[in-house]
Amino acid sequence: MDCGRVREMLLEIGSGGEAALAESLQRHLDECPACSREFRSVETLVRLARRALHTPVPEEVCRHLDQVLFGEGDHGG
């Protein structure tokens, strides 16, 4: 398996959730340090994105965004 195909598979896994790694992909990751690093980066990115989805946004941030985006209220300008 070549690195280009591995990168395509990593993107599919990153966007598709918890797909099981094919045996050939796992073997390539075991043998290729560059692809292994990229895979770990994708795993980290997915984990952080999932965590961010469950993190509440403080009310003051919401108010500030409303002011900036929609011109609501007095935004000091």
PDB file of N, CA and C in Angstrom:
ATOM      1  N   MET A   1       0.858  -1.173   0.000  1.00  0.00           N
ATOM      2  CA  MET A   1       0.000   0.000   0.000  1.00  0.00           C
ATOM      3  C   MET A   1       0.899   1.228   0.000  1.00  0.00           C
ATOM      4  N   ASP A   2       0.544   2.224  -0.830  1.00  0.00           N
ATOM      5  CA  ASP A   2       1.384   3.417  -0.884  1.00  0.00           C
ATOM      6  C   ASP A   2       0.847   4.508   0.042  1.00  0.00           C
ATOM      7  N   CYS A   3       1.717   5.467   0.350  1.00  0.00           N
ATOM      8  CA  CYS A   3       1.381   6.534   1.300  1.00  0.00           C
ATOM      9  C   CYS A   3       0.213   7.383   0.816  1.00  0.00           C
ATOM     10  N   GLY A   4       0.099   7.598  -0.496  1.00  0.00           N
ATOM     11  CA  GLY A   4      -1.016   8.383  -1.024  1.00  0.00           C
ATOM     12  C   GLY A   4      -2.355   7.750  -0.695  1.00  0.00           C
ATOM     13  N   ARG A   5      -2.453   6.444  -0.884  1.00  0.00           N
ATOM     14  CA  ARG A   5      -3.702   5.736  -0.560  1.00  0.00           C
ATOM     15  C   ARG A   5      -3.948   5.766   0.941  1.00  0.00           C
ATOM     16  N   VAL A   6      -2.902   5.652   1.729  1.00  0.00           N
ATOM     17  CA  VAL A   6      -3.044   5.709   3.186  1.00  0.00           C
ATOM     18  C   VAL A   6      -3.613   7.059   3.595  1.00  0.00           C
ATOM     19  N   ARG A   7      -3.119   8.143   2.998  1.00  0.00           N
ATOM     20  CA  ARG A   7      -3.639   9.480   3.332  1.00  0.00           C
ATOM     21  C   ARG A   7      -5.121   9.583   3.002  1.00  0.00           C
ATOM     22  N   GLU A   8      -5.530   9.031   1.856  1.00  0.00           N
ATOM     23  CA  GLU A   8      -6.951   9.027   1.504  1.00  0.00           C
ATOM     24  C   GLU A   8      -7.759   8.281   2.558  1.00  0.00           C
ATOM     25  N   MET A   9      -7.254   7.140   2.985  1.00  0.00           N
ATOM     26  CA  MET A   9      -7.959   6.340   3.988  1.00  0.00           C
ATOM     27  C   MET A   9      -8.016   7.070   5.324  1.00  0.00           C
ATOM     28  N   LEU A  10      -6.951   7.784   5.678  1.00  0.00           N
ATOM     29  CA  LEU A  10      -6.943   8.523   6.939  1.00  0.00           C
ATOM     30  C   LEU A  10      -8.010   9.603   6.922  1.00  0.00           C
ATOM     31  N   LEU A  11      -8.168  10.283   5.793  1.00  0.00           N
ATOM     32  CA  LEU A  11      -9.209  11.302   5.689  1.00  0.00           C
ATOM     33  C   LEU A  11     -10.593  10.679   5.795  1.00  0.00           C
ATOM     34  N   GLU A  12     -10.776   9.514   5.181  1.00  0.00           N
ATOM     35  CA  GLU A  12     -12.057   8.818   5.267  1.00  0.00           C
ATOM     36  C   GLU A  12     -12.352   8.421   6.709  1.00  0.00           C
ATOM     37  N   ILE A  13     -11.348   7.919   7.388  1.00  0.00           N
ATOM     38  CA  ILE A  13     -11.518   7.518   8.780  1.00  0.00           C
ATOM     39  C   ILE A  13     -11.798   8.741   9.634  1.00  0.00           C
ATOM     40  N   GLY A  14     -11.045   9.821   9.398  1.00  0.00           N
ATOM     41  CA  GLY A  14     -11.232  11.041  10.172  1.00  0.00           C
ATOM     42  C   GLY A  14     -12.608  11.633   9.999  1.00  0.00           C
ATOM     43  N   SER A  15     -13.169  11.567   8.814  1.00  0.00           N
ATOM     44  CA  SER A  15     -14.478  12.161   8.584  1.00  0.00           C
ATOM     45  C   SER A  15     -15.603  11.172   8.829  1.00  0.00           C
ATOM     46  N   GLY A  16     -15.288   9.883   8.820  1.00  0.00           N
ATOM     47  CA  GLY A  16     -16.335   8.882   8.941  1.00  0.00           C
ATOM     48  C   GLY A  16     -16.480   8.267  10.307  1.00  0.00           C
ATOM     49  N   GLY A  17     -15.684   8.646  11.250  1.00  0.00           N
ATOM     50  CA  GLY A  17     -15.830   8.138  12.603  1.00  0.00           C
ATOM     51  C   GLY A  17     -14.982   6.919  12.885  1.00  0.00           C
ATOM     52  N   GLU A  18     -15.607   5.899  13.422  1.00  0.00           N
ATOM     53  CA  GLU A  18     -14.889   4.775  14.015  1.00  0.00           C
ATOM     54  C   GLU A  18     -14.736   3.581  13.077  1.00  0.00           C
ATOM     55  N   ALA A  19     -14.401   3.809  11.840  1.00  0.00           N
ATOM     56  CA  ALA A  19     -14.199   2.696  10.911  1.00  0.00           C
ATOM     57  C   ALA A  19     -13.005   1.866  11.362  1.00  0.00           C
ATOM     58  N   ALA A  20     -13.139   0.576  11.271  1.00  0.00           N
ATOM     59  CA  ALA A  20     -12.031  -0.307  11.654  1.00  0.00           C
ATOM     60  C   ALA A  20     -10.935  -0.224  10.596  1.00  0.00           C
ATOM     61  N   LEU A  21      -9.702  -0.233  11.056  1.00  0.00           N
ATOM     62  CA  LEU A  21      -8.578  -0.188  10.128  1.00  0.00           C
ATOM     63  C   LEU A  21      -8.435  -1.528   9.419  1.00  0.00           C
ATOM     64  N   ALA A  22      -8.282  -1.470   8.119  1.00  0.00           N
ATOM     65  CA  ALA A  22      -8.023  -2.678   7.353  1.00  0.00           C
ATOM     66  C   ALA A  22      -6.654  -3.210   7.740  1.00  0.00           C
ATOM     67  N   GLU A  23      -6.508  -4.501   7.610  1.00  0.00           N
ATOM     68  CA  GLU A  23      -5.235  -5.130   7.973  1.00  0.00           C
ATOM     69  C   GLU A  23      -4.072  -4.535   7.185  1.00  0.00           C
ATOM     70  N   SER A  24      -4.283  -4.281   5.898  1.00  0.00           N
ATOM     71  CA  SER A  24      -3.193  -3.728   5.083  1.00  0.00           C
ATOM     72  C   SER A  24      -2.849  -2.309   5.513  1.00  0.00           C
ATOM     73  N   LEU A  25      -3.846  -1.537   5.924  1.00  0.00           N
ATOM     74  CA  LEU A  25      -3.585  -0.186   6.414  1.00  0.00           C
ATOM     75  C   LEU A  25      -2.799  -0.247   7.713  1.00  0.00           C
ATOM     76  N   GLN A  26      -3.203  -1.112   8.622  1.00  0.00           N
ATOM     77  CA  GLN A  26      -2.498  -1.239   9.892  1.00  0.00           C
ATOM     78  C   GLN A  26      -1.051  -1.662   9.671  1.00  0.00           C
ATOM     79  N   ARG A  27      -0.856  -2.572   8.751  1.00  0.00           N
ATOM     80  CA  ARG A  27       0.502  -3.035   8.445  1.00  0.00           C
ATOM     81  C   ARG A  27       1.343  -1.867   7.911  1.00  0.00           C
ATOM     82  N   HIS A  28       0.759  -1.056   7.031  1.00  0.00           N
ATOM     83  CA  HIS A  28       1.495   0.094   6.499  1.00  0.00           C
ATOM     84  C   HIS A  28       1.831   1.075   7.617  1.00  0.00           C
ATOM     85  N   LEU A  29       0.881   1.337   8.496  1.00  0.00           N
ATOM     86  CA  LEU A  29       1.134   2.259   9.607  1.00  0.00           C
ATOM     87  C   LEU A  29       2.245   1.739  10.512  1.00  0.00           C
ATOM     88  N   ASP A  30       2.295   0.430  10.692  1.00  0.00           N
ATOM     89  CA  ASP A  30       3.350  -0.171  11.513  1.00  0.00           C
ATOM     90  C   ASP A  30       4.732  -0.001  10.876  1.00  0.00           C
ATOM     91  N   GLU A  31       4.767   0.084   9.544  1.00  0.00           N
ATOM     92  CA  GLU A  31       6.040   0.133   8.826  1.00  0.00           C
ATOM     93  C   GLU A  31       6.450   1.534   8.370  1.00  0.00           C
ATOM     94  N   CYS A  32       5.522   2.489   8.375  1.00  0.00           N
ATOM     95  CA  CYS A  32       5.818   3.812   7.815  1.00  0.00           C
ATOM     96  C   CYS A  32       5.669   4.881   8.899  1.00  0.00           C
ATOM     97  N   PRO A  33       6.780   5.397   9.418  1.00  0.00           N
ATOM     98  CA  PRO A  33       6.714   6.397  10.482  1.00  0.00           C
ATOM     99  C   PRO A  33       5.943   7.662  10.083  1.00  0.00           C
ATOM    100  N   ALA A  34       6.084   8.108   8.840  1.00  0.00           N
ATOM    101  CA  ALA A  34       5.396   9.338   8.410  1.00  0.00           C
ATOM    102  C   ALA A  34       3.883   9.154   8.434  1.00  0.00           C
ATOM    103  N   CYS A  35       3.402   8.060   7.901  1.00  0.00           N
ATOM    104  CA  CYS A  35       1.957   7.810   7.894  1.00  0.00           C
ATOM    105  C   CYS A  35       1.445   7.545   9.306  1.00  0.00           C
ATOM    106  N   SER A  36       2.249   6.899  10.111  1.00  0.00           N
ATOM    107  CA  SER A  36       1.865   6.651  11.500  1.00  0.00           C
ATOM    108  C   SER A  36       1.688   7.967  12.252  1.00  0.00           C
ATOM    109  N   ARG A  37       2.599   8.914  12.043  1.00  0.00           N
ATOM    110  CA  ARG A  37       2.471  10.244  12.667  1.00  0.00           C
ATOM    111  C   ARG A  37       1.210  10.951  12.176  1.00  0.00           C
ATOM    112  N   GLU A  38       0.973  10.860  10.875  1.00  0.00           N
ATOM    113  CA  GLU A  38      -0.212  11.512  10.309  1.00  0.00           C
ATOM    114  C   GLU A  38      -1.489  10.891  10.884  1.00  0.00           C
ATOM    115  N   PHE A  39      -1.501   9.579  11.038  1.00  0.00           N
ATOM    116  CA  PHE A  39      -2.654   8.899  11.622  1.00  0.00           C
ATOM    117  C   PHE A  39      -2.893   9.377  13.051  1.00  0.00           C
ATOM    118  N   ARG A  40      -1.833   9.490  13.835  1.00  0.00           N
ATOM    119  CA  ARG A  40      -1.988   9.977  15.211  1.00  0.00           C
ATOM    120  C   ARG A  40      -2.513  11.411  15.225  1.00  0.00           C
ATOM    121  N   SER A  41      -2.077  12.216  14.260  1.00  0.00           N
ATOM    122  CA  SER A  41      -2.573  13.592  14.165  1.00  0.00           C
ATOM    123  C   SER A  41      -4.062  13.618  13.851  1.00  0.00           C
ATOM    124  N   VAL A  42      -4.494  12.759  12.942  1.00  0.00           N
ATOM    125  CA  VAL A  42      -5.920  12.678  12.603  1.00  0.00           C
ATOM    126  C   VAL A  42      -6.715  12.234  13.824  1.00  0.00           C
ATOM    127  N   GLU A  43      -6.212  11.229  14.536  1.00  0.00           N
ATOM    128  CA  GLU A  43      -6.897  10.775  15.754  1.00  0.00           C
ATOM    129  C   GLU A  43      -7.041  11.910  16.760  1.00  0.00           C
ATOM    130  N   THR A  44      -5.980  12.674  16.951  1.00  0.00           N
ATOM    131  CA  THR A  44      -6.008  13.796  17.894  1.00  0.00           C
ATOM    132  C   THR A  44      -7.003  14.848  17.444  1.00  0.00           C
ATOM    133  N   LEU A  45      -6.993  15.180  16.171  1.00  0.00           N
ATOM    134  CA  LEU A  45      -7.916  16.180  15.636  1.00  0.00           C
ATOM    135  C   LEU A  45      -9.371  15.755  15.835  1.00  0.00           C
ATOM    136  N   VAL A  46      -9.672  14.509  15.541  1.00  0.00           N
ATOM    137  CA  VAL A  46     -11.035  14.003  15.714  1.00  0.00           C
ATOM    138  C   VAL A  46     -11.430  14.047  17.183  1.00  0.00           C
ATOM    139  N   ARG A  47     -10.542  13.638  18.067  1.00  0.00           N
ATOM    140  CA  ARG A  47     -10.836  13.648  19.504  1.00  0.00           C
ATOM    141  C   ARG A  47     -11.106  15.072  19.993  1.00  0.00           C
ATOM    142  N   LEU A  48     -10.285  16.031  19.571  1.00  0.00           N
ATOM    143  CA  LEU A  48     -10.477  17.423  19.984  1.00  0.00           C
ATOM    144  C   LEU A  48     -11.769  18.003  19.417  1.00  0.00           C
ATOM    145  N   ALA A  49     -12.078  17.671  18.178  1.00  0.00           N
ATOM    146  CA  ALA A  49     -13.318  18.167  17.575  1.00  0.00           C
ATOM    147  C   ALA A  49     -14.533  17.616  18.313  1.00  0.00           C
ATOM    148  N   ARG A  50     -14.494  16.348  18.665  1.00  0.00           N
ATOM    149  CA  ARG A  50     -15.615  15.761  19.413  1.00  0.00           C
ATOM    150  C   ARG A  50     -15.756  16.408  20.782  1.00  0.00           C
ATOM    151  N   ARG A  51     -14.652  16.666  21.430  1.00  0.00           N
ATOM    152  CA  ARG A  51     -14.685  17.307  22.742  1.00  0.00           C
ATOM    153  C   ARG A  51     -15.266  18.719  22.621  1.00  0.00           C
ATOM    154  N   ALA A  52     -14.870  19.440  21.573  1.00  0.00           N
ATOM    155  CA  ALA A  52     -15.354  20.812  21.376  1.00  0.00           C
ATOM    156  C   ALA A  52     -16.862  20.844  21.160  1.00  0.00           C
ATOM    157  N   LEU A  53     -17.403  19.815  20.535  1.00  0.00           N
ATOM    158  CA  LEU A  53     -18.848  19.759  20.312  1.00  0.00           C
ATOM    159  C   LEU A  53     -19.626  19.703  21.615  1.00  0.00           C
ATOM    160  N   HIS A  54     -19.003  19.209  22.659  1.00  0.00           N
ATOM    161  CA  HIS A  54     -19.680  19.035  23.944  1.00  0.00           C
ATOM    162  C   HIS A  54     -19.278  20.086  24.971  1.00  0.00           C
ATOM    163  N   THR A  55     -18.566  21.106  24.535  1.00  0.00           N
ATOM    164  CA  THR A  55     -18.132  22.165  25.438  1.00  0.00           C
ATOM    165  C   THR A  55     -19.089  23.343  25.304  1.00  0.00           C
ATOM    166  N   PRO A  56     -19.786  23.705  26.387  1.00  0.00           N
ATOM    167  CA  PRO A  56     -20.724  24.827  26.291  1.00  0.00           C
ATOM    168  C   PRO A  56     -19.995  26.153  26.064  1.00  0.00           C
ATOM    169  N   VAL A  57     -20.627  27.017  25.294  1.00  0.00           N
ATOM    170  CA  VAL A  57     -20.070  28.345  25.021  1.00  0.00           C
ATOM    171  C   VAL A  57     -20.608  29.301  26.081  1.00  0.00           C
ATOM    172  N   PRO A  58     -19.735  30.040  26.770  1.00  0.00           N
ATOM    173  CA  PRO A  58     -20.190  30.985  27.793  1.00  0.00           C
ATOM    174  C   PRO A  58     -21.134  32.035  27.199  1.00  0.00           C
ATOM    175  N   GLU A  59     -22.120  32.438  27.990  1.00  0.00           N
ATOM    176  CA  GLU A  59     -23.130  33.399  27.544  1.00  0.00           C
ATOM    177  C   GLU A  59     -22.504  34.700  27.051  1.00  0.00           C
ATOM    178  N   GLU A  60     -21.460  35.184  27.728  1.00  0.00           N
ATOM    179  CA  GLU A  60     -20.848  36.448  27.297  1.00  0.00           C
ATOM    180  C   GLU A  60     -20.213  36.328  25.913  1.00  0.00           C
ATOM    181  N   VAL A  61     -19.721  35.152  25.568  1.00  0.00           N
ATOM    182  CA  VAL A  61     -19.168  34.934  24.231  1.00  0.00           C
ATOM    183  C   VAL A  61     -20.290  34.981  23.195  1.00  0.00           C
ATOM    184  N   CYS A  62     -21.419  34.363  23.517  1.00  0.00           N
ATOM    185  CA  CYS A  62     -22.571  34.398  22.607  1.00  0.00           C
ATOM    186  C   CYS A  62     -23.039  35.830  22.379  1.00  0.00           C
ATOM    187  N   ARG A  63     -23.132  36.612  23.457  1.00  0.00           N
ATOM    188  CA  ARG A  63     -23.553  38.014  23.325  1.00  0.00           C
ATOM    189  C   ARG A  63     -22.573  38.797  22.458  1.00  0.00           C
ATOM    190  N   HIS A  64     -21.294  38.597  22.690  1.00  0.00           N
ATOM    191  CA  HIS A  64     -20.279  39.306  21.903  1.00  0.00           C
ATOM    192  C   HIS A  64     -20.377  38.925  20.424  1.00  0.00           C
ATOM    193  N   LEU A  65     -20.552  37.654  20.135  1.00  0.00           N
ATOM    194  CA  LEU A  65     -20.695  37.219  18.746  1.00  0.00           C
ATOM    195  C   LEU A  65     -21.924  37.841  18.099  1.00  0.00           C
ATOM    196  N   ASP A  66     -23.038  37.888  18.840  1.00  0.00           N
ATOM    197  CA  ASP A  66     -24.247  38.538  18.319  1.00  0.00           C
ATOM    198  C   ASP A  66     -23.969  39.994  17.979  1.00  0.00           C
ATOM    199  N   GLN A  67     -23.254  40.671  18.862  1.00  0.00           N
ATOM    200  CA  GLN A  67     -22.938  42.082  18.629  1.00  0.00           C
ATOM    201  C   GLN A  67     -22.073  42.252  17.386  1.00  0.00           C
ATOM    202  N   VAL A  68     -21.051  41.444  17.280  1.00  0.00           N
ATOM    203  CA  VAL A  68     -20.116  41.570  16.163  1.00  0.00           C
ATOM    204  C   VAL A  68     -20.768  41.154  14.846  1.00  0.00           C
ATOM    205  N   LEU A  69     -21.487  40.044  14.861  1.00  0.00           N
ATOM    206  CA  LEU A  69     -22.039  39.502  13.621  1.00  0.00           C
ATOM    207  C   LEU A  69     -23.312  40.202  13.167  1.00  0.00           C
ATOM    208  N   PHE A  70     -24.149  40.581  14.132  1.00  0.00           N
ATOM    209  CA  PHE A  70     -25.469  41.093  13.781  1.00  0.00           C
ATOM    210  C   PHE A  70     -25.693  42.535  14.210  1.00  0.00           C
ATOM    211  N   GLY A  71     -24.687  43.153  14.819  1.00  0.00           N
ATOM    212  CA  GLY A  71     -24.805  44.540  15.234  1.00  0.00           C
ATOM    213  C   GLY A  71     -25.823  44.754  16.330  1.00  0.00           C
ATOM    214  N   GLU A  72     -26.089  43.719  17.103  1.00  0.00           N
ATOM    215  CA  GLU A  72     -27.078  43.821  18.171  1.00  0.00           C
ATOM    216  C   GLU A  72     -26.459  44.454  19.401  1.00  0.00           C
ATOM    217  N   GLY A  73     -27.162  45.398  19.987  1.00  0.00           N
ATOM    218  CA  GLY A  73     -26.710  46.027  21.219  1.00  0.00           C
ATOM    219  C   GLY A  73     -25.580  47.001  20.962  1.00  0.00           C
ATOM    220  N   ASP A  74     -25.041  47.527  22.045  1.00  0.00           N
ATOM    221  CA  ASP A  74     -23.939  48.483  21.967  1.00  0.00           C
ATOM    222  C   ASP A  74     -22.633  47.708  21.994  1.00  0.00           C
ATOM    223  N   HIS A  75     -21.884  47.764  20.924  1.00  0.00           N
ATOM    224  CA  HIS A  75     -20.612  47.039  20.894  1.00  0.00           C
ATOM    225  C   HIS A  75     -19.419  47.980  20.885  1.00  0.00           C
ATOM    226  N   GLY A  76     -19.617  49.143  21.471  1.00  0.00           N
ATOM    227  CA  GLY A  76     -18.487  50.031  21.709  1.00  0.00           C
ATOM    228  C   GLY A  76     -17.922  50.701  20.481  1.00  0.00           C
ATOM    229  N   GLY A  77     -18.607  50.658  19.350  1.00  0.00           N
ATOM    230  CA  GLY A  77     -18.046  51.232  18.146  1.00  0.00           C
ATOM    231  C   GLY A  77     -18.799  52.340  17.668  1.00  0.00           C
TER     232      GLY A  77
END
